[in-house]
Amino acid sequence: MNLNKTVPKIGAAIVAVTVFLFAVCLIINFTFGSYLVCMFLPIGYIMMAAGFHHESADDRKAVSMIGMLFSAVYAVLIFLVYFAQTTSVQLGVLSEDALRILDFRRGGLLFNYDLLGYGMMALSTFFIGLSLQAGSKEEKWLKYLMMIHGVFFIGCFIMPMTGIITGMANGETSNGRVIALVCWCAYFLPIGVLAYRHFGK
């Protein structure tokens, strides 16, 4: 068994499944479920990113390593955000002031950290996509989807500074937030599927 192919393939499968489940949880308004699956996504993504780094050509190792490092930053931020939601916030042991800061649904500090985390993921996909040497049509799609996904970094980094995010926590605009996240899932799901097929070859 070639673990350099098998582990990233499993990681890509985890990415595809968790993104799909995240979309389902958003649609059916299962908040705890959406938080829970988001903690498995970084695990699968790092496994997948490591596979791309391993197979990158020598003249692209530095670029793929940058992608790997950004994936680690993404994972740390996301674990902090969602572990807090599924433990301290969920159990209701925090004061009102603490909830204002830590409750994801109120658009506070941790919501901003969540966006920053996905900004780091966007940078990671950009650099990993840049390191890919695409041969087939599918691999070209994978490469360009990952690189274009890097554009999300701009919004994820800038939006929390504008105050728009706090407004999105209101019930009035929460539907727009759900639609935006489902659209992101529809974009990112093919990346997981194509990566799975890539490592299966």
Protein backbone atom coordinates (compact mmCIF):
# COMPACT_ATOMS: atom_id res chain seq x y z
CA MET A 1 0.00 0.00 0.00
CA ASN A 2 1.35 3.41 -1.01
CA LEU A 3 0.50 5.62 1.96
CA ASN A 4 1.66 8.71 0.07
CA LYS A 5 -1.35 8.18 -2.19
CA THR A 6 -3.78 6.42 0.16
CA VAL A 7 -3.70 8.95 3.02
CA PRO A 8 -4.24 12.02 0.77
CA LYS A 9 -7.01 10.12 -1.04
CA ILE A 10 -8.73 9.48 2.30
CA GLY A 11 -8.20 13.14 3.17
CA ALA A 12 -9.83 14.24 -0.10
CA ALA A 13 -12.79 11.94 0.67
CA ILE A 14 -13.11 13.53 4.12
CA VAL A 15 -13.06 16.98 2.48
CA ALA A 16 -15.80 16.05 0.01
CA VAL A 17 -18.02 14.37 2.63
CA THR A 18 -17.65 17.09 5.27
CA VAL A 19 -18.34 19.91 2.77
CA PHE A 20 -21.47 18.07 1.63
CA LEU A 21 -22.62 17.47 5.23
CA PHE A 22 -21.88 21.10 6.11
CA ALA A 23 -24.18 22.21 3.27
CA VAL A 24 -26.91 19.83 4.47
CA CYS A 25 -26.63 21.09 8.06
CA LEU A 26 -26.90 24.68 6.82
CA ILE A 27 -30.00 23.92 4.76
CA ILE A 28 -31.81 22.07 7.57
CA ASN A 29 -30.60 24.62 10.18
CA PHE A 30 -28.74 22.04 12.31
CA THR A 31 -26.26 24.45 13.89
CA PHE A 32 -24.45 22.01 16.18
CA GLY A 33 -23.97 19.59 13.27
CA SER A 34 -22.48 22.29 11.07
CA TYR A 35 -19.99 23.17 13.83
CA LEU A 36 -19.09 19.52 14.36
CA VAL A 37 -18.40 18.65 10.72
CA CYS A 38 -16.31 21.82 10.32
CA MET A 39 -13.78 20.32 12.75
CA PHE A 40 -13.24 17.30 10.50
CA LEU A 41 -12.74 19.38 7.35
CA PRO A 42 -9.26 20.69 8.39
CA ILE A 43 -8.11 17.14 9.14
CA GLY A 44 -9.03 15.97 5.67
CA TYR A 45 -7.69 19.11 4.07
CA ILE A 46 -4.25 18.80 5.69
CA MET A 47 -4.05 15.14 4.61
CA MET A 48 -4.95 16.17 1.07
CA ALA A 49 -2.53 19.13 1.05
CA ALA A 50 0.29 16.90 2.28
CA GLY A 51 -0.28 14.61 -0.69
CA PHE A 52 -0.02 17.48 -3.14
CA HIS A 53 3.13 18.70 -1.42
CA HIS A 54 4.71 15.25 -1.57
CA GLU A 55 4.15 14.85 -5.31
CA SER A 56 5.12 18.41 -6.27
CA ALA A 57 8.17 18.80 -8.50
CA ASP A 58 11.46 19.93 -6.97
CA ASP A 59 11.18 23.37 -8.56
CA ARG A 60 7.74 23.81 -6.92
CA LYS A 61 8.44 22.44 -3.43
CA ALA A 62 8.72 25.90 -1.86
CA VAL A 63 5.33 26.93 -3.28
CA SER A 64 3.60 23.75 -2.09
CA MET A 65 5.27 24.11 1.33
CA ILE A 66 3.76 27.59 1.65
CA GLY A 67 0.38 25.99 0.91
CA MET A 68 1.00 23.38 3.60
CA LEU A 69 1.92 26.03 6.18
CA PHE A 70 -1.21 28.06 5.46
CA SER A 71 -3.28 24.86 5.82
CA ALA A 72 -1.86 24.42 9.35
CA VAL A 73 -2.75 28.01 10.30
CA TYR A 74 -6.26 27.41 8.91
CA ALA A 75 -6.65 24.24 10.96
CA VAL A 76 -5.58 25.88 14.25
CA LEU A 77 -8.01 28.78 13.83
CA ILE A 78 -10.93 26.56 12.83
CA PHE A 79 -10.39 24.11 15.69
CA LEU A 80 -10.31 26.98 18.19
CA VAL A 81 -13.51 28.48 16.79
CA TYR A 82 -15.63 25.35 16.55
CA PHE A 83 -14.33 23.58 19.64
CA ALA A 84 -15.41 26.66 21.59
CA GLN A 85 -18.86 26.53 19.95
CA THR A 86 -19.41 22.82 20.69
CA THR A 87 -18.15 23.05 24.27
CA SER A 88 -18.23 26.32 26.26
CA VAL A 89 -20.82 28.13 24.14
CA GLN A 90 -23.03 25.06 23.64
CA LEU A 91 -23.03 24.16 27.35
CA GLY A 92 -24.12 27.67 28.33
CA VAL A 93 -21.48 28.16 31.03
CA LEU A 94 -20.40 31.62 29.82
CA SER A 95 -21.51 35.06 30.95
CA GLU A 96 -23.41 37.36 28.59
CA ASP A 97 -20.28 39.42 27.94
CA ALA A 98 -18.28 36.31 27.10
CA LEU A 99 -21.05 35.05 24.80
CA ARG A 100 -21.03 38.33 22.91
CA ILE A 101 -17.39 37.69 22.09
CA LEU A 102 -17.34 33.92 21.68
CA ASP A 103 -20.76 32.95 20.29
CA PHE A 104 -20.30 32.38 16.57
CA ARG A 105 -23.93 33.32 15.82
CA ARG A 106 -23.47 36.86 17.17
CA GLY A 107 -20.79 37.75 14.67
CA GLY A 108 -18.19 38.47 17.33
CA LEU A 109 -14.50 37.78 17.66
CA LEU A 110 -14.66 34.05 16.91
CA PHE A 111 -16.75 34.63 13.81
CA ASN A 112 -14.00 36.97 12.60
CA TYR A 113 -11.39 34.31 13.43
CA ASP A 114 -13.45 31.82 11.45
CA LEU A 115 -13.31 34.08 8.40
CA LEU A 116 -9.59 34.59 8.91
CA GLY A 117 -9.17 30.80 9.06
CA TYR A 118 -10.97 30.31 5.76
CA GLY A 119 -8.88 33.15 4.34
CA MET A 120 -5.81 31.10 5.26
CA MET A 121 -7.38 28.08 3.58
CA ALA A 122 -7.92 30.17 0.43
CA LEU A 123 -4.25 31.15 0.40
CA SER A 124 -3.35 27.50 0.92
CA THR A 125 -5.42 26.34 -2.06
CA PHE A 126 -3.92 29.09 -4.21
CA PHE A 127 -0.32 28.04 -3.52
CA ILE A 128 -1.07 24.33 -3.76
CA GLY A 129 -2.88 24.92 -7.06
CA LEU A 130 0.14 26.89 -8.25
CA SER A 131 2.37 23.91 -7.47
CA LEU A 132 0.21 21.40 -9.38
CA GLN A 133 1.48 20.16 -12.71
CA ALA A 134 -1.78 19.32 -14.43
CA GLY A 135 -1.72 16.73 -17.16
CA SER A 136 -5.31 15.68 -17.74
CA LYS A 137 -8.40 17.84 -18.18
CA GLU A 138 -9.61 16.91 -14.69
CA GLU A 139 -6.30 17.95 -13.16
CA LYS A 140 -6.47 21.29 -14.97
CA TRP A 141 -9.94 21.86 -13.51
CA LEU A 142 -8.60 20.97 -10.07
CA LYS A 143 -5.63 23.31 -10.46
CA TYR A 144 -7.71 26.29 -11.59
CA LEU A 145 -10.49 25.73 -9.04
CA MET A 146 -7.88 25.73 -6.26
CA MET A 147 -6.11 28.83 -7.57
CA ILE A 148 -9.33 30.80 -8.14
CA HIS A 149 -10.43 29.82 -4.63
CA GLY A 150 -7.50 31.91 -3.43
CA VAL A 151 -9.54 35.02 -4.27
CA PHE A 152 -11.71 34.27 -1.21
CA PHE A 153 -8.78 35.43 0.93
CA ILE A 154 -9.48 39.06 0.05
CA GLY A 155 -13.08 38.99 1.29
CA CYS A 156 -12.31 36.87 4.34
CA PHE A 157 -9.51 39.22 5.37
CA ILE A 158 -11.19 42.57 4.63
CA MET A 159 -14.86 41.97 5.56
CA PRO A 160 -14.38 41.67 9.35
CA MET A 161 -12.72 45.11 9.30
CA THR A 162 -15.76 46.76 7.70
CA GLY A 163 -18.39 45.87 10.33
CA ILE A 164 -20.51 44.04 7.74
CA ILE A 165 -20.00 40.76 9.59
CA THR A 166 -21.65 42.01 12.78
CA GLY A 167 -24.70 42.94 10.73
CA MET A 168 -24.78 39.49 9.16
CA ALA A 169 -25.36 37.98 12.60
CA ASN A 170 -28.83 39.55 12.69
CA GLY A 171 -31.76 37.28 11.86
CA GLU A 172 -32.63 39.64 9.03
CA THR A 173 -29.49 38.81 7.08
CA SER A 174 -28.78 35.30 8.35
CA ASN A 175 -30.50 33.78 5.30
CA GLY A 176 -28.06 35.62 3.08
CA ARG A 177 -25.19 34.19 5.11
CA VAL A 178 -26.57 30.66 4.73
CA ILE A 179 -26.96 31.10 0.96
CA ALA A 180 -23.40 32.43 0.69
CA LEU A 181 -22.03 29.44 2.64
CA VAL A 182 -24.03 26.92 0.59
CA CYS A 183 -22.64 28.55 -2.57
CA TRP A 184 -19.14 28.15 -1.13
CA CYS A 185 -19.88 24.46 -0.49
CA ALA A 186 -21.03 24.06 -4.10
CA TYR A 187 -17.72 25.57 -5.23
CA PHE A 188 -15.44 23.61 -2.90
CA LEU A 189 -17.10 20.19 -3.16
CA PRO A 190 -15.70 19.55 -6.69
CA ILE A 191 -12.19 20.26 -5.35
CA GLY A 192 -12.56 17.38 -2.88
CA VAL A 193 -14.03 15.08 -5.53
CA LEU A 194 -11.39 15.90 -8.14
CA ALA A 195 -8.59 15.53 -5.58
CA TYR A 196 -9.99 12.11 -4.61
CA ARG A 197 -9.93 11.04 -8.26
CA HIS A 198 -6.45 12.51 -8.68
CA PHE A 199 -4.97 10.48 -5.81
CA GLY A 200 -6.87 7.40 -6.97
CA LYS A 201 -4.87 7.27 -10.21
